[in-house]
C-alpha atoms as a PDB file:
ATOM      1  CA  UNK A   1     198.238 123.582  67.100  1.00  0.00           C
ATOM      2  CA  UNK A   2     199.047 119.725  67.211  1.00  0.00           C
ATOM      3  CA  UNK A   3     202.642 120.139  66.099  1.00  0.00           C
ATOM      4  CA  UNK A   4     203.343 121.551  69.491  1.00  0.00           C
ATOM      5  CA  UNK A   5     202.026 118.259  71.107  1.00  0.00           C
ATOM      6  CA  UNK A   6     202.970 115.548  68.755  1.00  0.00           C
ATOM      7  CA  UNK A   7     206.517 114.945  68.797  1.00  0.00           C
ATOM      8  CA  UNK A   8     206.439 111.818  66.347  1.00  0.00           C
ATOM      9  CA  UNK A   9     204.327 111.139  63.833  1.00  0.00           C
ATOM     10  CA  UNK A  10     205.361 107.780  63.210  1.00  0.00           C
ATOM     11  CA  UNK A  11     204.494 106.929  66.823  1.00  0.00           C
ATOM     12  CA  UNK A  12     201.542 109.058  67.318  1.00  0.00           C
ATOM     13  CA  UNK A  13     199.843 107.201  64.405  1.00  0.00           C
ATOM     14  CA  UNK A  14     201.154 103.627  65.382  1.00  0.00           C
ATOM     15  CA  UNK A  15     200.161 103.763  69.177  1.00  0.00           C
ATOM     16  CA  UNK A  16     196.590 104.774  68.160  1.00  0.00           C
ATOM     17  CA  UNK A  17     196.287 102.237  66.062  1.00  0.00           C
ATOM     18  CA  UNK A  18     197.353  99.459  68.829  1.00  0.00           C
ATOM     19  CA  UNK A  19     195.319 101.170  71.323  1.00  0.00           C
ATOM     20  CA  UNK A  20     192.424 100.516  69.336  1.00  0.00           C
ATOM     21  CA  UNK A  21     193.570  96.961  68.352  1.00  0.00           C
ATOM     22  CA  UNK A  22     192.588  95.914  72.170  1.00  0.00           C
ATOM     23  CA  UNK A  23     189.131  97.870  72.418  1.00  0.00           C
ATOM     24  CA  UNK A  24     185.997  95.749  72.486  1.00  0.00           C
ATOM     25  CA  UNK A  25     184.177  95.520  69.507  1.00  0.00           C
ATOM     26  CA  UNK A  26     180.993  96.935  71.025  1.00  0.00           C
ATOM     27  CA  UNK A  27     179.098  99.800  71.560  1.00  0.00           C
ATOM     28  CA  UNK A  28     180.588 100.718  75.074  1.00  0.00           C
ATOM     29  CA  UNK A  29     184.104 100.147  73.549  1.00  0.00           C
ATOM     30  CA  UNK A  30     183.349 102.486  70.739  1.00  0.00           C
ATOM     31  CA  UNK A  31     182.186 105.103  72.980  1.00  0.00           C
ATOM     32  CA  UNK A  32     185.215 104.440  76.126  1.00  0.00           C
ATOM     33  CA  UNK A  33     182.572 103.500  78.382  1.00  0.00           C
ATOM     34  CA  UNK A  34     180.077 105.636  77.497  1.00  0.00           C
ATOM     35  CA  UNK A  35     177.702 103.464  75.618  1.00  0.00           C
ATOM     36  CA  UNK A  36     174.660 105.015  77.424  1.00  0.00           C
ATOM     37  CA  UNK A  37     174.981 108.173  75.731  1.00  0.00           C
ATOM     38  CA  UNK A  38     174.522 106.548  72.289  1.00  0.00           C
ATOM     39  CA  UNK A  39     170.938 107.454  71.540  1.00  0.00           C
ATOM     40  CA  UNK A  40     171.353 110.895  73.201  1.00  0.00           C
ATOM     41  CA  UNK A  41     174.033 111.080  70.511  1.00  0.00           C
ATOM     42  CA  UNK A  42     172.459 109.760  67.461  1.00  0.00           C
ATOM     43  CA  UNK A  43     168.923 111.345  68.035  1.00  0.00           C
ATOM     44  CA  UNK A  44     171.039 115.120  68.171  1.00  0.00           C
ATOM     45  CA  UNK A  45     172.954 114.259  64.993  1.00  0.00           C
ATOM     46  CA  UNK A  46     169.826 113.123  63.381  1.00  0.00           C
ATOM     47  CA  UNK A  47     168.035 116.061  63.996  1.00  0.00           C
ATOM     48  CA  UNK A  48     171.147 118.270  62.912  1.00  0.00           C
ATOM     49  CA  UNK A  49     171.212 116.250  59.552  1.00  0.00           C
ATOM     50  CA  UNK A  50     167.424 116.406  58.830  1.00  0.00           C
ATOM     51  CA  UNK A  51     167.953 120.430  58.228  1.00  0.00           C
ATOM     52  CA  UNK A  52     170.053 119.766  55.186  1.00  0.00           C
ATOM     53  CA  UNK A  53     168.086 117.010  54.012  1.00  0.00           C
ATOM     54  CA  UNK A  54     164.754 118.933  54.055  1.00  0.00           C
ATOM     55  CA  UNK A  55     163.262 119.743  50.697  1.00  0.00           C
ATOM     56  CA  UNK A  56     164.690 123.192  49.285  1.00  0.00           C
ATOM     57  CA  UNK A  57     166.732 124.460  46.182  1.00  0.00           C
ATOM     58  CA  UNK A  58     169.847 123.177  48.027  1.00  0.00           C
ATOM     59  CA  UNK A  59     168.788 120.174  49.875  1.00  0.00           C
ATOM     60  CA  UNK A  60     171.854 117.486  50.047  1.00  0.00           C
ATOM     61  CA  UNK A  61     170.809 114.599  48.635  1.00  0.00           C
ATOM     62  CA  UNK A  62     169.956 110.945  50.413  1.00  0.00           C
ATOM     63  CA  UNK A  63     171.822 108.250  47.900  1.00  0.00           C
ATOM     64  CA  UNK A  64     175.461 107.443  49.506  1.00  0.00           C
ATOM     65  CA  UNK A  65     176.925 108.470  52.849  1.00  0.00           C
ATOM     66  CA  UNK A  66     180.335 107.862  54.256  1.00  0.00           C
ATOM     67  CA  UNK A  67     181.202 107.316  57.872  1.00  0.00           C
ATOM     68  CA  UNK A  68     184.748 107.937  58.700  1.00  0.00           C
ATOM     69  CA  UNK A  69     186.076 106.343  61.371  1.00  0.00           C
ATOM     70  CA  UNK A  70     183.083 104.026  62.027  1.00  0.00           C
ATOM     71  CA  UNK A  71     183.924 101.789  64.071  1.00  0.00           C
ATOM     72  CA  UNK A  72     181.685  98.443  64.236  1.00  0.00           C
ATOM     73  CA  UNK A  73     179.149 100.505  62.539  1.00  0.00           C
ATOM     74  CA  UNK A  74     176.904 102.328  65.727  1.00  0.00           C
ATOM     75  CA  UNK A  75     176.543 105.786  63.149  1.00  0.00           C
ATOM     76  CA  UNK A  76     176.280 103.667  60.170  1.00  0.00           C
ATOM     77  CA  UNK A  77     173.422 101.550  61.835  1.00  0.00           C
ATOM     78  CA  UNK A  78     171.404 104.048  63.461  1.00  0.00           C
ATOM     79  CA  UNK A  79     172.182 107.418  61.863  1.00  0.00           C
ATOM     80  CA  UNK A  80     172.902 107.152  58.253  1.00  0.00           C
ATOM     81  CA  UNK A  81     171.485 103.581  56.603  1.00  0.00           C
ATOM     82  CA  UNK A  82     167.730 104.795  57.668  1.00  0.00           C
ATOM     83  CA  UNK A  83     168.456 108.400  55.799  1.00  0.00           C
ATOM     84  CA  UNK A  84     170.728 107.418  52.867  1.00  0.00           C
ATOM     85  CA  UNK A  85     170.202 104.452  50.252  1.00  0.00           C
ATOM     86  CA  UNK A  86     173.727 102.937  50.714  1.00  0.00           C
ATOM     87  CA  UNK A  87     176.934 104.034  53.191  1.00  0.00           C
ATOM     88  CA  UNK A  88     180.596 102.887  53.115  1.00  0.00           C
ATOM     89  CA  UNK A  89     182.434 102.606  55.816  1.00  0.00           C
ATOM     90  CA  UNK A  90     186.159 103.358  56.832  1.00  0.00           C
ATOM     91  CA  UNK A  91     187.999 102.277  60.036  1.00  0.00           C
ATOM     92  CA  UNK A  92     191.817 101.577  60.424  1.00  0.00           C
ATOM     93  CA  UNK A  93     190.638  98.660  62.692  1.00  0.00           C
ATOM     94  CA  UNK A  94     190.103  95.350  60.639  1.00  0.00           C
ATOM     95  CA  UNK A  95     188.199  93.397  63.633  1.00  0.00           C
ATOM     96  CA  UNK A  96     185.997  96.131  63.873  1.00  0.00           C
ATOM     97  CA  UNK A  97     184.758  96.217  60.298  1.00  0.00           C
ATOM     98  CA  UNK A  98     184.639  92.557  60.459  1.00  0.00           C
ATOM     99  CA  UNK A  99     182.434  92.899  63.716  1.00  0.00           C
ATOM    100  CA  UNK A 100     180.315  95.426  61.758  1.00  0.00           C
ATOM    101  CA  UNK A 101     178.953  92.649  59.139  1.00  0.00           C
ATOM    102  CA  UNK A 102     176.923  91.068  61.996  1.00  0.00           C
ATOM    103  CA  UNK A 103     176.650  94.101  64.094  1.00  0.00           C
ATOM    104  CA  UNK A 104     174.447  95.859  60.983  1.00  0.00           C
ATOM    105  CA  UNK A 105     172.261  92.909  60.591  1.00  0.00           C
ATOM    106  CA  UNK A 106     170.028  92.841  57.543  1.00  0.00           C
ATOM    107  CA  UNK A 107     170.331  96.272  56.704  1.00  0.00           C
ATOM    108  CA  UNK A 108     174.266  96.078  56.357  1.00  0.00           C
ATOM    109  CA  UNK A 109     173.504  94.642  53.106  1.00  0.00           C
ATOM    110  CA  UNK A 110     173.251  98.253  51.363  1.00  0.00           C
ATOM    111  CA  UNK A 111     176.645  98.872  53.322  1.00  0.00           C
ATOM    112  CA  UNK A 112     178.778  98.993  49.565  1.00  0.00           C
ATOM    113  CA  UNK A 113     182.170  99.302  51.118  1.00  0.00           C
ATOM    114  CA  UNK A 114     184.287  98.536  54.242  1.00  0.00           C
ATOM    115  CA  UNK A 115     187.620 100.477  53.494  1.00  0.00           C
ATOM    116  CA  UNK A 116     190.195  99.287  56.018  1.00  0.00           C
ATOM    117  CA  UNK A 117     192.327 102.225  56.098  1.00  0.00           C
ATOM    118  CA  UNK A 118     193.702 105.275  58.252  1.00  0.00           C
ATOM    119  CA  UNK A 119     192.224 108.557  57.567  1.00  0.00           C
ATOM    120  CA  UNK A 120     195.401 110.411  56.637  1.00  0.00           C
ATOM    121  CA  UNK A 121     195.773 107.846  53.520  1.00  0.00           C
ATOM    122  CA  UNK A 122     191.972 107.912  52.843  1.00  0.00           C
ATOM    123  CA  UNK A 123     191.175 109.456  49.485  1.00  0.00           C
ATOM    124  CA  UNK A 124     187.072 109.247  49.540  1.00  0.00           C
ATOM    125  CA  UNK A 125     185.675 108.915  45.760  1.00  0.00           C
ATOM    126  CA  UNK A 126     185.674 111.832  43.806  1.00  0.00           C
ATOM    127  CA  UNK A 127     181.861 113.551  43.042  1.00  0.00           C
ATOM    128  CA  UNK A 128     180.309 110.401  45.147  1.00  0.00           C
ATOM    129  CA  UNK A 129     179.013 111.428  48.686  1.00  0.00           C
ATOM    130  CA  UNK A 130     175.983 113.373  49.838  1.00  0.00           C
ATOM    131  CA  UNK A 131     177.236 113.733  53.228  1.00  0.00           C
ATOM    132  CA  UNK A 132     180.660 112.567  54.631  1.00  0.00           C
ATOM    133  CA  UNK A 133     180.542 112.194  58.469  1.00  0.00           C
ATOM    134  CA  UNK A 134     183.469 112.226  60.197  1.00  0.00           C
ATOM    135  CA  UNK A 135     183.145 111.694  64.298  1.00  0.00           C
ATOM    136  CA  UNK A 136     185.359 111.219  67.431  1.00  0.00           C
ATOM    137  CA  UNK A 137     188.172 110.718  64.874  1.00  0.00           C
ATOM    138  CA  UNK A 138     189.702 114.102  64.095  1.00  0.00           C
ATOM    139  CA  UNK A 139     191.881 113.862  67.164  1.00  0.00           C
ATOM    140  CA  UNK A 140     193.770 111.153  65.561  1.00  0.00           C
ATOM    141  CA  UNK A 141     195.108 113.382  62.627  1.00  0.00           C
ATOM    142  CA  UNK A 142     197.991 115.675  63.054  1.00  0.00           C
ATOM    143  CA  UNK A 143     196.524 119.469  61.607  1.00  0.00           C
ATOM    144  CA  UNK A 144     198.346 118.808  57.968  1.00  0.00           C
ATOM    145  CA  UNK A 145     196.774 115.599  57.576  1.00  0.00           C
ATOM    146  CA  UNK A 146     193.169 116.538  58.829  1.00  0.00           C
ATOM    147  CA  UNK A 147     193.630 119.718  56.896  1.00  0.00           C
ATOM    148  CA  UNK A 148     194.615 117.200  53.597  1.00  0.00           C
ATOM    149  CA  UNK A 149     191.912 114.954  54.623  1.00  0.00           C
ATOM    150  CA  UNK A 150     189.321 117.519  54.873  1.00  0.00           C
ATOM    151  CA  UNK A 151     190.365 118.823  51.273  1.00  0.00           C
ATOM    152  CA  UNK A 152     190.057 115.385  50.100  1.00  0.00           C
ATOM    153  CA  UNK A 153     186.239 114.825  51.518  1.00  0.00           C
ATOM    154  CA  UNK A 154     185.254 118.411  49.618  1.00  0.00           C
ATOM    155  CA  UNK A 155     186.150 116.748  46.375  1.00  0.00           C
ATOM    156  CA  UNK A 156     184.061 113.566  47.773  1.00  0.00           C
ATOM    157  CA  UNK A 157     181.047 115.541  47.856  1.00  0.00           C
ATOM    158  CA  UNK A 158     178.166 115.599  45.330  1.00  0.00           C
ATOM    159  CA  UNK A 159     176.410 118.607  44.193  1.00  0.00           C
ATOM    160  CA  UNK A 160     174.696 120.177  47.872  1.00  0.00           C
ATOM    161  CA  UNK A 161     177.008 117.369  49.528  1.00  0.00           C
ATOM    162  CA  UNK A 162     178.238 118.200  53.018  1.00  0.00           C
ATOM    163  CA  UNK A 163     181.014 117.087  55.488  1.00  0.00           C
ATOM    164  CA  UNK A 164     179.819 116.790  58.641  1.00  0.00           C
ATOM    165  CA  UNK A 165     182.377 116.679  61.926  1.00  0.00           C
ATOM    166  CA  UNK A 166     181.344 115.972  65.479  1.00  0.00           C
ATOM    167  CA  UNK A 167     183.734 115.798  68.187  1.00  0.00           C
ATOM    168  CA  UNK A 168     185.154 116.982  71.398  1.00  0.00           C
ATOM    169  CA  UNK A 169     186.389 120.328  72.013  1.00  0.00           C
ATOM    170  CA  UNK A 170     188.989 121.717  74.124  1.00  0.00           C
ATOM    171  CA  UNK A 171     188.182 124.708  76.345  1.00  0.00           C
ATOM    172  CA  UNK A 172     192.049 126.139  74.914  1.00  0.00           C
ATOM    173  CA  UNK A 173     194.716 124.971  72.797  1.00  0.00           C
ATOM    174  CA  UNK A 174     195.545 121.300  71.896  1.00  0.00           C
ATOM    175  CA  UNK A 175     195.588 118.642  74.726  1.00  0.00           C
ATOM    176  CA  UNK A 176     197.237 115.278  73.877  1.00  0.00           C
ATOM    177  CA  UNK A 177     196.461 111.965  75.186  1.00  0.00           C
ATOM    178  CA  UNK A 178     198.643 109.495  75.586  1.00  0.00           C
ATOM    179  CA  UNK A 179     196.156 106.849  76.349  1.00  0.00           C
ATOM    180  CA  UNK A 180     195.067 106.416  73.554  1.00  0.00           C
ATOM    181  CA  UNK A 181     197.063 108.953  71.197  1.00  0.00           C
ATOM    182  CA  UNK A 182     195.110 111.422  70.230  1.00  0.00           C
ATOM    183  CA  UNK A 183     194.452 115.433  70.176  1.00  0.00           C
ATOM    184  CA  UNK A 184     191.216 117.180  71.460  1.00  0.00           C
ATOM    185  CA  UNK A 185     191.786 120.724  69.748  1.00  0.00           C
ATOM    186  CA  UNK A 186     189.329 124.140  70.822  1.00  0.00           C
ATOM    187  CA  UNK A 187     187.058 125.373  68.438  1.00  0.00           C
ATOM    188  CA  UNK A 188     189.304 127.913  67.077  1.00  0.00           C
ATOM    189  CA  UNK A 189     191.825 125.642  65.883  1.00  0.00           C
ATOM    190  CA  UNK A 190     189.010 123.275  64.256  1.00  0.00           C
ATOM    191  CA  UNK A 191     187.390 126.412  62.665  1.00  0.00           C
ATOM    192  CA  UNK A 192     190.724 127.505  60.944  1.00  0.00           C
ATOM    193  CA  UNK A 193     191.748 123.951  60.239  1.00  0.00           C
ATOM    194  CA  UNK A 194     188.168 124.198  58.347  1.00  0.00           C
ATOM    195  CA  UNK A 195     188.629 127.387  56.346  1.00  0.00           C
ATOM    196  CA  UNK A 196     192.574 125.996  55.299  1.00  0.00           C
ATOM    197  CA  UNK A 197     190.812 123.074  54.038  1.00  0.00           C
ATOM    198  CA  UNK A 198     188.755 125.337  51.485  1.00  0.00           C
ATOM    199  CA  UNK A 199     185.243 124.496  53.290  1.00  0.00           C
ATOM    200  CA  UNK A 200     182.553 126.801  54.471  1.00  0.00           C
ATOM    201  CA  UNK A 201     181.301 126.425  57.718  1.00  0.00           C
ATOM    202  CA  UNK A 202     177.420 126.031  57.067  1.00  0.00           C
ATOM    203  CA  UNK A 203     176.445 125.171  60.899  1.00  0.00           C
ATOM    204  CA  UNK A 204     177.567 124.842  64.250  1.00  0.00           C
ATOM    205  CA  UNK A 205     176.002 123.063  67.205  1.00  0.00           C
ATOM    206  CA  UNK A 206     176.766 122.098  70.478  1.00  0.00           C
ATOM    207  CA  UNK A 207     175.935 118.899  71.734  1.00  0.00           C
ATOM    208  CA  UNK A 208     173.619 118.910  74.841  1.00  0.00           C
ATOM    209  CA  UNK A 209     172.880 116.342  77.449  1.00  0.00           C
ATOM    210  CA  UNK A 210     175.910 114.966  77.894  1.00  0.00           C
ATOM    211  CA  UNK A 211     177.529 113.549  80.864  1.00  0.00           C
ATOM    212  CA  UNK A 212     179.272 116.848  82.460  1.00  0.00           C
ATOM    213  CA  UNK A 213     182.842 115.355  83.046  1.00  0.00           C
ATOM    214  CA  UNK A 214     183.445 115.039  79.366  1.00  0.00           C
ATOM    215  CA  UNK A 215     184.739 117.762  76.799  1.00  0.00           C
ATOM    216  CA  UNK A 216     182.291 119.513  75.113  1.00  0.00           C
ATOM    217  CA  UNK A 217     180.893 117.943  71.792  1.00  0.00           C
ATOM    218  CA  UNK A 218     180.195 120.083  68.656  1.00  0.00           C
ATOM    219  CA  UNK A 219     179.039 119.740  65.414  1.00  0.00           C
ATOM    220  CA  UNK A 220     179.609 121.098  62.174  1.00  0.00           C
ATOM    221  CA  UNK A 221     178.280 120.942  58.744  1.00  0.00           C
ATOM    222  CA  UNK A 222     180.599 122.519  55.765  1.00  0.00           C
ATOM    223  CA  UNK A 223     181.108 122.539  52.241  1.00  0.00           C
END
């Protein structure tokens, strides 16, 4: 668990904030130099998400989505705005959210809120979102903060809404990355946190066609 590798919680968060302040506000910066995988990532995410947006009695709505750890809005621009009427964005780095306003272009008018906040301190508005998308950011939360954040996300869902996590998965245990001050958890640890948050796993999928040298990436849908 993250408590075994995170020795000082305050330092864990402040070091991560400092790291991201120095990262270029570009797609390549958001993806740690792997900007070329962005289209593969977005196309897979769209297919994954659309299975919940199709017609049916438990269909997930398309009114409003929340992009968590949104950065400059790569996912908002290419995945969420094409599918949802409005989107809210939350990120801890103010410069990224400022850049997002120009990066998103005309469609950015449909972004209602830019929240500058760490997810450990952020509470989605209750009963407000059809989809809460959390990508490549759970490693910046301790286990307890991630569990509590997911509980708040659960409360933030509209009827038939879903929470989606897409992130790196370790082969075994929890691995600390001292460079960006984050942890990478294995599948079992992530599933346990999801359960502890009172969420039910609806679907789980491994990302295909990513470079061999990076962590395996999995997408989870839950409510």
